[in-house]
Amino acid sequence: MSVKIEDVYRMHMNEIYRYLYRLTGDSGIAEDLTQDTFIQALRFLDLYVEGKVRPWLFKVAYNTFIDWYRKRKRENRLAPSFENVQNEMSLGYQSPEENILSKEIWETFAKIISIFPWKQRQSLLLFYAHRFSYDEIAGVLDISLSDVKIAIHRGRKKLKESWGSEEDA
């Protein structure tokens, strides 16, 4: 059974865009990186052995982001941040009140994790925002399963501590 890029694109384009938007904080850059992700996926889709396409596609998106980030860093521009990230997590219907509450929660989450170390930030983002399993996160980030578990455990502790201080402010 062959996987078609059109089907993969239709199924995962919005989610890949949201992930890249959260990483960059810029909709234009996220659109460009989403396009680059699917161009790379098209080039290597024939080599991809059947399995879970979603984690593989996130890995392609993450590597596309890293390439862009390194290029940007070389050009001495500001690093991307999680500031001013819009809440696009929910795919289902929400009332206006629920939508505002979700947006506030996401903004607080994004603000707090923006200062976390790289592994914790990426692991928490993939785990909570994209509902990846530990194994899938390890595959996307090219780190060991134990590193993912440690990063999420420590990140949760920091998140819990920081969230409390965020509410006190």
N, C-alpha and C. Protein backbone atom coordinates (compact mmCIF):
# COMPACT_ATOMS: atom_id res chain seq x y z
N MET A 1 0.84 -1.18 0.00
CA MET A 1 0.00 0.00 0.00
C MET A 1 0.88 1.23 0.00
N SER A 2 0.69 2.08 -0.95
CA SER A 2 1.50 3.27 -1.11
C SER A 2 0.82 4.47 -0.44
N VAL A 3 1.62 5.33 0.18
CA VAL A 3 1.12 6.53 0.82
C VAL A 3 1.19 7.67 -0.18
N LYS A 4 0.09 8.42 -0.31
CA LYS A 4 0.06 9.55 -1.23
C LYS A 4 0.32 10.84 -0.47
N ILE A 5 1.14 11.70 -1.03
CA ILE A 5 1.47 12.97 -0.38
C ILE A 5 0.23 13.85 -0.22
N GLU A 6 -0.70 13.76 -1.17
CA GLU A 6 -1.93 14.57 -1.07
C GLU A 6 -2.71 14.19 0.18
N ASP A 7 -2.82 12.90 0.44
CA ASP A 7 -3.54 12.44 1.63
C ASP A 7 -2.82 12.86 2.90
N VAL A 8 -1.51 12.70 2.90
CA VAL A 8 -0.70 13.10 4.06
C VAL A 8 -0.85 14.60 4.30
N TYR A 9 -0.79 15.37 3.24
CA TYR A 9 -0.91 16.83 3.34
C TYR A 9 -2.28 17.21 3.91
N ARG A 10 -3.34 16.67 3.37
CA ARG A 10 -4.68 16.99 3.83
C ARG A 10 -4.87 16.65 5.30
N MET A 11 -4.34 15.51 5.70
CA MET A 11 -4.53 15.04 7.07
C MET A 11 -3.70 15.80 8.10
N HIS A 12 -2.51 16.27 7.71
CA HIS A 12 -1.57 16.78 8.71
C HIS A 12 -1.12 18.22 8.53
N MET A 13 -1.53 18.88 7.46
CA MET A 13 -1.05 20.23 7.17
C MET A 13 -1.34 21.21 8.30
N ASN A 14 -2.56 21.25 8.78
CA ASN A 14 -2.92 22.21 9.84
C ASN A 14 -2.13 21.96 11.12
N GLU A 15 -1.98 20.71 11.47
CA GLU A 15 -1.26 20.37 12.70
C GLU A 15 0.23 20.71 12.58
N ILE A 16 0.82 20.45 11.44
CA ILE A 16 2.23 20.79 11.22
C ILE A 16 2.40 22.31 11.26
N TYR A 17 1.48 23.02 10.64
CA TYR A 17 1.54 24.49 10.67
C TYR A 17 1.48 25.00 12.11
N ARG A 18 0.52 24.49 12.91
CA ARG A 18 0.39 24.93 14.30
C ARG A 18 1.66 24.64 15.09
N TYR A 19 2.25 23.48 14.87
CA TYR A 19 3.50 23.13 15.57
C TYR A 19 4.60 24.12 15.20
N LEU A 20 4.76 24.38 13.92
CA LEU A 20 5.81 25.30 13.48
C LEU A 20 5.52 26.73 13.92
N TYR A 21 4.25 27.09 13.98
CA TYR A 21 3.88 28.42 14.46
C TYR A 21 4.25 28.58 15.93
N ARG A 22 4.03 27.53 16.70
CA ARG A 22 4.40 27.58 18.13
C ARG A 22 5.91 27.68 18.30
N LEU A 23 6.65 27.06 17.41
CA LEU A 23 8.11 27.13 17.50
C LEU A 23 8.65 28.49 17.08
N THR A 24 8.05 29.10 16.07
CA THR A 24 8.58 30.35 15.52
C THR A 24 7.89 31.59 16.05
N GLY A 25 6.61 31.49 16.37
CA GLY A 25 5.85 32.65 16.80
C GLY A 25 5.50 33.59 15.66
N ASP A 26 5.67 33.15 14.42
CA ASP A 26 5.43 34.00 13.26
C ASP A 26 4.66 33.19 12.21
N SER A 27 3.48 33.68 11.82
CA SER A 27 2.64 32.92 10.90
C SER A 27 3.27 32.79 9.51
N GLY A 28 3.92 33.84 9.02
CA GLY A 28 4.55 33.78 7.70
C GLY A 28 5.67 32.76 7.64
N ILE A 29 6.52 32.77 8.67
CA ILE A 29 7.62 31.80 8.72
C ILE A 29 7.06 30.40 8.87
N ALA A 30 6.03 30.25 9.70
CA ALA A 30 5.42 28.92 9.89
C ALA A 30 4.84 28.40 8.58
N GLU A 31 4.23 29.27 7.78
CA GLU A 31 3.71 28.85 6.48
C GLU A 31 4.84 28.39 5.56
N ASP A 32 5.92 29.17 5.52
CA ASP A 32 7.07 28.80 4.69
C ASP A 32 7.67 27.46 5.14
N LEU A 33 7.82 27.30 6.45
CA LEU A 33 8.40 26.06 6.97
C LEU A 33 7.47 24.87 6.75
N THR A 34 6.16 25.11 6.81
CA THR A 34 5.20 24.04 6.52
C THR A 34 5.35 23.59 5.08
N GLN A 35 5.46 24.55 4.18
CA GLN A 35 5.66 24.22 2.77
C GLN A 35 6.96 23.45 2.58
N ASP A 36 8.04 23.91 3.22
CA ASP A 36 9.34 23.22 3.13
C ASP A 36 9.25 21.80 3.69
N THR A 37 8.48 21.65 4.77
CA THR A 37 8.31 20.32 5.38
C THR A 37 7.69 19.35 4.38
N PHE A 38 6.64 19.79 3.71
CA PHE A 38 5.96 18.88 2.77
C PHE A 38 6.78 18.67 1.50
N ILE A 39 7.60 19.63 1.14
CA ILE A 39 8.51 19.42 0.00
C ILE A 39 9.52 18.32 0.37
N GLN A 40 10.07 18.41 1.58
CA GLN A 40 11.00 17.37 2.04
C GLN A 40 10.29 16.02 2.14
N ALA A 41 9.07 16.04 2.67
CA ALA A 41 8.31 14.79 2.79
C ALA A 41 8.05 14.17 1.43
N LEU A 42 7.75 15.01 0.45
CA LEU A 42 7.52 14.52 -0.91
C LEU A 42 8.78 13.84 -1.45
N ARG A 43 9.93 14.45 -1.19
CA ARG A 43 11.20 13.89 -1.69
C ARG A 43 11.49 12.51 -1.10
N PHE A 44 11.10 12.31 0.17
CA PHE A 44 11.49 11.07 0.84
C PHE A 44 10.33 10.13 1.14
N LEU A 45 9.13 10.46 0.69
CA LEU A 45 7.97 9.63 0.98
C LEU A 45 8.12 8.23 0.38
N ASP A 46 8.75 8.13 -0.79
CA ASP A 46 8.95 6.82 -1.41
C ASP A 46 9.90 5.94 -0.59
N LEU A 47 10.84 6.57 0.11
CA LEU A 47 11.78 5.83 0.92
C LEU A 47 11.20 5.45 2.28
N TYR A 48 10.14 6.15 2.66
CA TYR A 48 9.53 5.91 3.95
C TYR A 48 8.83 4.56 3.96
N VAL A 49 9.25 3.72 4.86
CA VAL A 49 8.65 2.40 5.00
C VAL A 49 7.37 2.57 5.80
N GLU A 50 6.36 1.79 5.44
CA GLU A 50 5.07 1.92 6.11
C GLU A 50 5.23 1.90 7.62
N GLY A 51 4.48 2.72 8.25
CA GLY A 51 4.51 2.89 9.69
C GLY A 51 3.68 4.11 10.02
N LYS A 52 3.98 4.72 11.11
CA LYS A 52 3.24 5.92 11.50
C LYS A 52 3.81 7.13 10.77
N VAL A 53 3.00 7.74 9.94
CA VAL A 53 3.43 8.88 9.14
C VAL A 53 3.50 10.13 10.00
N ARG A 54 2.59 10.29 10.94
CA ARG A 54 2.51 11.51 11.74
C ARG A 54 3.81 11.81 12.50
N PRO A 55 4.37 10.88 13.28
CA PRO A 55 5.63 11.18 13.97
C PRO A 55 6.77 11.47 12.99
N TRP A 56 6.80 10.73 11.88
CA TRP A 56 7.84 10.96 10.87
C TRP A 56 7.71 12.36 10.30
N LEU A 57 6.49 12.79 10.03
CA LEU A 57 6.25 14.10 9.47
C LEU A 57 6.63 15.20 10.46
N PHE A 58 6.35 15.00 11.74
CA PHE A 58 6.77 15.96 12.76
C PHE A 58 8.29 16.02 12.85
N LYS A 59 8.94 14.90 12.65
CA LYS A 59 10.41 14.89 12.67
C LYS A 59 10.93 15.70 11.48
N VAL A 60 10.33 15.54 10.33
CA VAL A 60 10.71 16.33 9.15
C VAL A 60 10.48 17.82 9.45
N ALA A 61 9.33 18.15 10.06
CA ALA A 61 9.02 19.55 10.40
C ALA A 61 10.03 20.09 11.40
N TYR A 62 10.35 19.30 12.39
CA TYR A 62 11.31 19.74 13.41
C TYR A 62 12.69 19.98 12.78
N ASN A 63 13.13 19.07 11.93
CA ASN A 63 14.43 19.24 11.26
C ASN A 63 14.42 20.45 10.33
N THR A 64 13.29 20.71 9.69
CA THR A 64 13.15 21.90 8.84
C THR A 64 13.27 23.15 9.71
N PHE A 65 12.63 23.13 10.87
CA PHE A 65 12.73 24.26 11.81
C PHE A 65 14.18 24.46 12.26
N ILE A 66 14.86 23.37 12.62
CA ILE A 66 16.25 23.47 13.09
C ILE A 66 17.13 24.07 12.00
N ASP A 67 16.97 23.62 10.77
CA ASP A 67 17.75 24.19 9.66
C ASP A 67 17.50 25.68 9.53
N TRP A 68 16.23 26.08 9.59
CA TRP A 68 15.88 27.50 9.51
C TRP A 68 16.48 28.27 10.68
N TYR A 69 16.37 27.72 11.88
CA TYR A 69 16.88 28.38 13.08
C TYR A 69 18.39 28.57 13.01
N ARG A 70 19.10 27.55 12.58
CA ARG A 70 20.56 27.67 12.46
C ARG A 70 20.95 28.73 11.43
N LYS A 71 20.23 28.75 10.33
CA LYS A 71 20.51 29.76 9.31
C LYS A 71 20.24 31.15 9.87
N ARG A 72 19.14 31.28 10.57
CA ARG A 72 18.79 32.57 11.17
C ARG A 72 19.80 32.98 12.22
N LYS A 73 20.26 32.03 13.01
CA LYS A 73 21.25 32.31 14.04
C LYS A 73 22.55 32.80 13.42
N ARG A 74 22.93 32.17 12.30
CA ARG A 74 24.15 32.60 11.59
C ARG A 74 24.02 34.03 11.10
N GLU A 75 22.80 34.41 10.77
CA GLU A 75 22.57 35.75 10.27
C GLU A 75 22.40 36.76 11.40
N ASN A 76 22.61 36.30 12.64
CA ASN A 76 22.56 37.15 13.84
C ASN A 76 21.22 37.85 14.03
N ARG A 77 20.16 37.15 13.76
CA ARG A 77 18.84 37.69 14.04
C ARG A 77 18.39 37.21 15.41
N LEU A 78 17.31 37.74 15.89
CA LEU A 78 16.77 37.32 17.17
C LEU A 78 16.25 35.89 17.08
N ALA A 79 16.42 35.15 18.16
CA ALA A 79 15.92 33.78 18.21
C ALA A 79 14.40 33.77 18.29
N PRO A 80 13.75 32.75 17.74
CA PRO A 80 12.30 32.69 17.82
C PRO A 80 11.86 32.50 19.27
N SER A 81 10.68 32.98 19.59
CA SER A 81 10.17 32.85 20.94
C SER A 81 8.75 32.30 20.90
N PHE A 82 8.28 31.96 22.05
CA PHE A 82 6.91 31.46 22.16
C PHE A 82 5.96 32.59 22.53
N GLU A 83 6.45 33.83 22.62
CA GLU A 83 5.63 34.97 22.99
C GLU A 83 4.52 35.18 21.96
N ASN A 84 3.40 35.66 22.41
CA ASN A 84 2.25 36.02 21.57
C ASN A 84 1.73 34.88 20.69
N VAL A 85 1.84 33.66 21.18
CA VAL A 85 1.34 32.51 20.42
C VAL A 85 -0.18 32.45 20.55
N GLN A 86 -0.87 32.27 19.44
CA GLN A 86 -2.33 32.16 19.45
C GLN A 86 -2.72 30.72 19.76
N ASN A 87 -3.83 30.56 20.43
CA ASN A 87 -4.29 29.21 20.74
C ASN A 87 -4.99 28.63 19.53
N GLU A 88 -4.38 27.59 18.97
CA GLU A 88 -4.97 26.88 17.84
C GLU A 88 -5.05 25.40 18.14
N MET A 89 -4.99 25.05 19.42
CA MET A 89 -4.92 23.64 19.79
C MET A 89 -6.22 22.89 19.52
N SER A 90 -7.33 23.52 19.73
CA SER A 90 -8.59 22.80 19.66
C SER A 90 -9.08 22.67 18.23
N LEU A 91 -9.42 21.47 17.83
CA LEU A 91 -9.97 21.25 16.50
C LEU A 91 -11.49 21.20 16.54
N GLY A 92 -12.05 20.96 17.73
CA GLY A 92 -13.49 20.85 17.86
C GLY A 92 -14.12 22.20 18.21
N TYR A 93 -15.45 22.20 18.31
CA TYR A 93 -16.18 23.42 18.62
C TYR A 93 -16.00 23.77 20.09
N GLN A 94 -15.84 25.06 20.34
CA GLN A 94 -15.81 25.58 21.70
C GLN A 94 -16.69 26.81 21.74
N SER A 95 -17.32 27.01 22.89
CA SER A 95 -18.08 28.24 23.06
C SER A 95 -17.08 29.39 23.14
N PRO A 96 -17.54 30.63 22.95
CA PRO A 96 -16.62 31.77 23.05
C PRO A 96 -15.89 31.83 24.40
N GLU A 97 -16.61 31.49 25.47
CA GLU A 97 -15.98 31.51 26.80
C GLU A 97 -14.88 30.45 26.90
N GLU A 98 -15.18 29.26 26.40
CA GLU A 98 -14.18 28.18 26.42
C GLU A 98 -12.99 28.54 25.55
N ASN A 99 -13.25 29.17 24.42
CA ASN A 99 -12.19 29.57 23.51
C ASN A 99 -11.26 30.58 24.17
N ILE A 100 -11.82 31.57 24.86
CA ILE A 100 -11.01 32.58 25.55
C ILE A 100 -10.20 31.93 26.66
N LEU A 101 -10.83 31.04 27.44
CA LEU A 101 -10.14 30.36 28.51
C LEU A 101 -9.00 29.49 27.96
N SER A 102 -9.26 28.76 26.88
CA SER A 102 -8.23 27.93 26.26
C SER A 102 -7.06 28.79 25.78
N LYS A 103 -7.38 29.93 25.19
CA LYS A 103 -6.34 30.83 24.69
C LYS A 103 -5.48 31.35 25.84
N GLU A 104 -6.12 31.73 26.94
CA GLU A 104 -5.37 32.22 28.10
C GLU A 104 -4.48 31.13 28.68
N ILE A 105 -5.01 29.92 28.77
CA ILE A 105 -4.22 28.80 29.30
C ILE A 105 -3.03 28.53 28.38
N TRP A 106 -3.27 28.49 27.06
CA TRP A 106 -2.17 28.24 26.13
C TRP A 106 -1.11 29.34 26.22
N GLU A 107 -1.53 30.60 26.30
CA GLU A 107 -0.57 31.71 26.39
C GLU A 107 0.27 31.62 27.65
N THR A 108 -0.37 31.25 28.76
CA THR A 108 0.37 31.08 30.01
C THR A 108 1.34 29.92 29.88
N PHE A 109 0.88 28.80 29.33
CA PHE A 109 1.74 27.63 29.12
C PHE A 109 2.94 28.00 28.25
N ALA A 110 2.67 28.68 27.13
CA ALA A 110 3.74 29.05 26.20
C ALA A 110 4.73 30.01 26.85
N LYS A 111 4.24 30.94 27.62
CA LYS A 111 5.10 31.91 28.31
C LYS A 111 6.01 31.20 29.31
N ILE A 112 5.42 30.29 30.07
CA ILE A 112 6.20 29.59 31.10
C ILE A 112 7.26 28.69 30.47
N ILE A 113 6.88 27.88 29.48
CA ILE A 113 7.86 26.92 28.93
C ILE A 113 8.91 27.60 28.05
N SER A 114 8.69 28.85 27.67
CA SER A 114 9.65 29.52 26.79
C SER A 114 11.02 29.67 27.44
N ILE A 115 11.08 29.61 28.77
CA ILE A 115 12.38 29.74 29.46
C ILE A 115 12.96 28.39 29.86
N PHE A 116 12.23 27.32 29.59
CA PHE A 116 12.71 25.98 29.94
C PHE A 116 13.84 25.57 28.99
N PRO A 117 14.68 24.64 29.44
CA PRO A 117 15.69 24.09 28.53
C PRO A 117 15.05 23.44 27.31
N TRP A 118 15.81 23.36 26.24
CA TRP A 118 15.33 22.88 24.95
C TRP A 118 14.56 21.57 25.04
N LYS A 119 15.15 20.53 25.66
CA LYS A 119 14.50 19.21 25.70
C LYS A 119 13.16 19.27 26.42
N GLN A 120 13.13 19.99 27.55
CA GLN A 120 11.88 20.10 28.30
C GLN A 120 10.82 20.84 27.49
N ARG A 121 11.21 21.95 26.89
CA ARG A 121 10.26 22.75 26.12
C ARG A 121 9.68 21.95 24.96
N GLN A 122 10.55 21.32 24.17
CA GLN A 122 10.09 20.55 23.02
C GLN A 122 9.26 19.34 23.45
N SER A 123 9.70 18.64 24.48
CA SER A 123 8.98 17.46 24.95
C SER A 123 7.59 17.82 25.46
N LEU A 124 7.50 18.88 26.25
CA LEU A 124 6.20 19.31 26.77
C LEU A 124 5.28 19.78 25.64
N LEU A 125 5.83 20.50 24.70
CA LEU A 125 5.02 20.98 23.58
C LEU A 125 4.45 19.82 22.77
N LEU A 126 5.30 18.85 22.43
CA LEU A 126 4.83 17.70 21.67
C LEU A 126 3.86 16.83 22.48
N PHE A 127 4.11 16.71 23.78
CA PHE A 127 3.28 15.87 24.63
C PHE A 127 1.90 16.49 24.86
N TYR A 128 1.87 17.75 25.27
CA TYR A 128 0.59 18.37 25.62
C TYR A 128 -0.15 18.96 24.42
N ALA A 129 0.54 19.65 23.56
CA ALA A 129 -0.13 20.33 22.45
C ALA A 129 -0.46 19.38 21.31
N HIS A 130 0.39 18.37 21.09
CA HIS A 130 0.18 17.49 19.94
C HIS A 130 -0.11 16.05 20.33
N ARG A 131 -0.14 15.79 21.63
CA ARG A 131 -0.52 14.47 22.16
C ARG A 131 0.33 13.32 21.61
N PHE A 132 1.62 13.55 21.54
CA PHE A 132 2.54 12.49 21.11
C PHE A 132 2.85 11.59 22.29
N SER A 133 3.13 10.33 21.99
CA SER A 133 3.58 9.39 23.02
C SER A 133 5.05 9.65 23.30
N TYR A 134 5.56 9.09 24.39
CA TYR A 134 6.98 9.25 24.71
C TYR A 134 7.86 8.72 23.58
N ASP A 135 7.49 7.56 23.04
CA ASP A 135 8.27 6.97 21.95
C ASP A 135 8.30 7.88 20.72
N GLU A 136 7.15 8.46 20.40
CA GLU A 136 7.07 9.35 19.24
C GLU A 136 7.91 10.60 19.47
N ILE A 137 7.87 11.14 20.68
CA ILE A 137 8.67 12.34 21.00
C ILE A 137 10.15 12.01 20.85
N ALA A 138 10.56 10.87 21.36
CA ALA A 138 11.96 10.46 21.25
C ALA A 138 12.37 10.37 19.78
N GLY A 139 11.50 9.85 18.94
CA GLY A 139 11.79 9.75 17.52
C GLY A 139 11.88 11.09 16.84
N VAL A 140 10.95 12.00 17.17
CA VAL A 140 10.95 13.32 16.55
C VAL A 140 12.20 14.11 16.94
N LEU A 141 12.56 14.07 18.22
CA LEU A 141 13.68 14.88 18.71
C LEU A 141 15.03 14.18 18.64
N ASP A 142 15.05 12.92 18.23
CA ASP A 142 16.29 12.14 18.18
C ASP A 142 17.00 12.08 19.52
N ILE A 143 16.22 11.81 20.57
CA ILE A 143 16.79 11.62 21.90
C ILE A 143 16.25 10.30 22.44
N SER A 144 16.87 9.81 23.51
CA SER A 144 16.45 8.51 24.05
C SER A 144 15.12 8.64 24.77
N LEU A 145 14.46 7.51 24.91
CA LEU A 145 13.18 7.45 25.60
C LEU A 145 13.34 7.93 27.04
N SER A 146 14.42 7.53 27.69
CA SER A 146 14.64 7.96 29.07
C SER A 146 14.84 9.48 29.15
N ASP A 147 15.50 10.08 28.15
CA ASP A 147 15.65 11.55 28.13
C ASP A 147 14.29 12.22 28.02
N VAL A 148 13.39 11.66 27.23
CA VAL A 148 12.04 12.21 27.09
C VAL A 148 11.32 12.13 28.42
N LYS A 149 11.36 10.97 29.06
CA LYS A 149 10.67 10.80 30.34
C LYS A 149 11.20 11.76 31.39
N ILE A 150 12.51 11.91 31.45
CA ILE A 150 13.13 12.83 32.41
C ILE A 150 12.74 14.27 32.10
N ALA A 151 12.79 14.63 30.81
CA ALA A 151 12.46 16.00 30.42
C ALA A 151 11.01 16.33 30.75
N ILE A 152 10.10 15.41 30.50
CA ILE A 152 8.69 15.67 30.80
C ILE A 152 8.46 15.71 32.30
N HIS A 153 9.08 14.80 33.03
CA HIS A 153 8.93 14.78 34.49
C HIS A 153 9.44 16.09 35.10
N ARG A 154 10.64 16.49 34.74
CA ARG A 154 11.21 17.74 35.27
C ARG A 154 10.43 18.96 34.77
N GLY A 155 10.00 18.90 33.52
CA GLY A 155 9.22 20.00 32.96
C GLY A 155 7.89 20.17 33.67
N ARG A 156 7.24 19.06 33.99
CA ARG A 156 5.97 19.12 34.72
C ARG A 156 6.15 19.75 36.09
N LYS A 157 7.24 19.36 36.77
CA LYS A 157 7.52 19.93 38.09
C LYS A 157 7.71 21.45 37.98
N LYS A 158 8.54 21.86 37.02
CA LYS A 158 8.78 23.28 36.81
C LYS A 158 7.50 24.01 36.42
N LEU A 159 6.72 23.36 35.56
CA LEU A 159 5.47 23.95 35.09
C LEU A 159 4.52 24.17 36.26
N LYS A 160 4.41 23.17 37.13
CA LYS A 160 3.53 23.28 38.28
C LYS A 160 3.99 24.42 39.20
N GLU A 161 5.29 24.50 39.46
CA GLU A 161 5.84 25.57 40.30
C GLU A 161 5.63 26.93 39.65
N SER A 162 5.94 27.04 38.39
CA SER A 162 5.84 28.31 37.67
C SER A 162 4.40 28.75 37.51
N TRP A 163 3.50 27.80 37.28
CA TRP A 163 2.10 28.15 37.08
C TRP A 163 1.55 28.80 38.35
N GLY A 164 1.93 28.27 39.49
CA GLY A 164 1.49 28.86 40.75
C GLY A 164 2.01 30.28 40.93
N SER A 165 3.27 30.51 40.60
CA SER A 165 3.83 31.85 40.74
C SER A 165 3.25 32.79 39.69
N GLU A 166 2.84 32.27 38.55
CA GLU A 166 2.22 33.06 37.49
C GLU A 166 0.86 33.57 37.96
N GLU A 167 0.10 32.73 38.69
CA GLU A 167 -1.21 33.13 39.18
C GLU A 167 -1.08 34.15 40.31
N ASP A 168 0.01 34.07 41.08
CA ASP A 168 0.23 35.01 42.18
C ASP A 168 0.57 36.40 41.68
N ALA A 169 1.15 36.48 40.47
CA ALA A 169 1.60 37.77 39.94
C ALA A 169 0.46 38.67 39.53
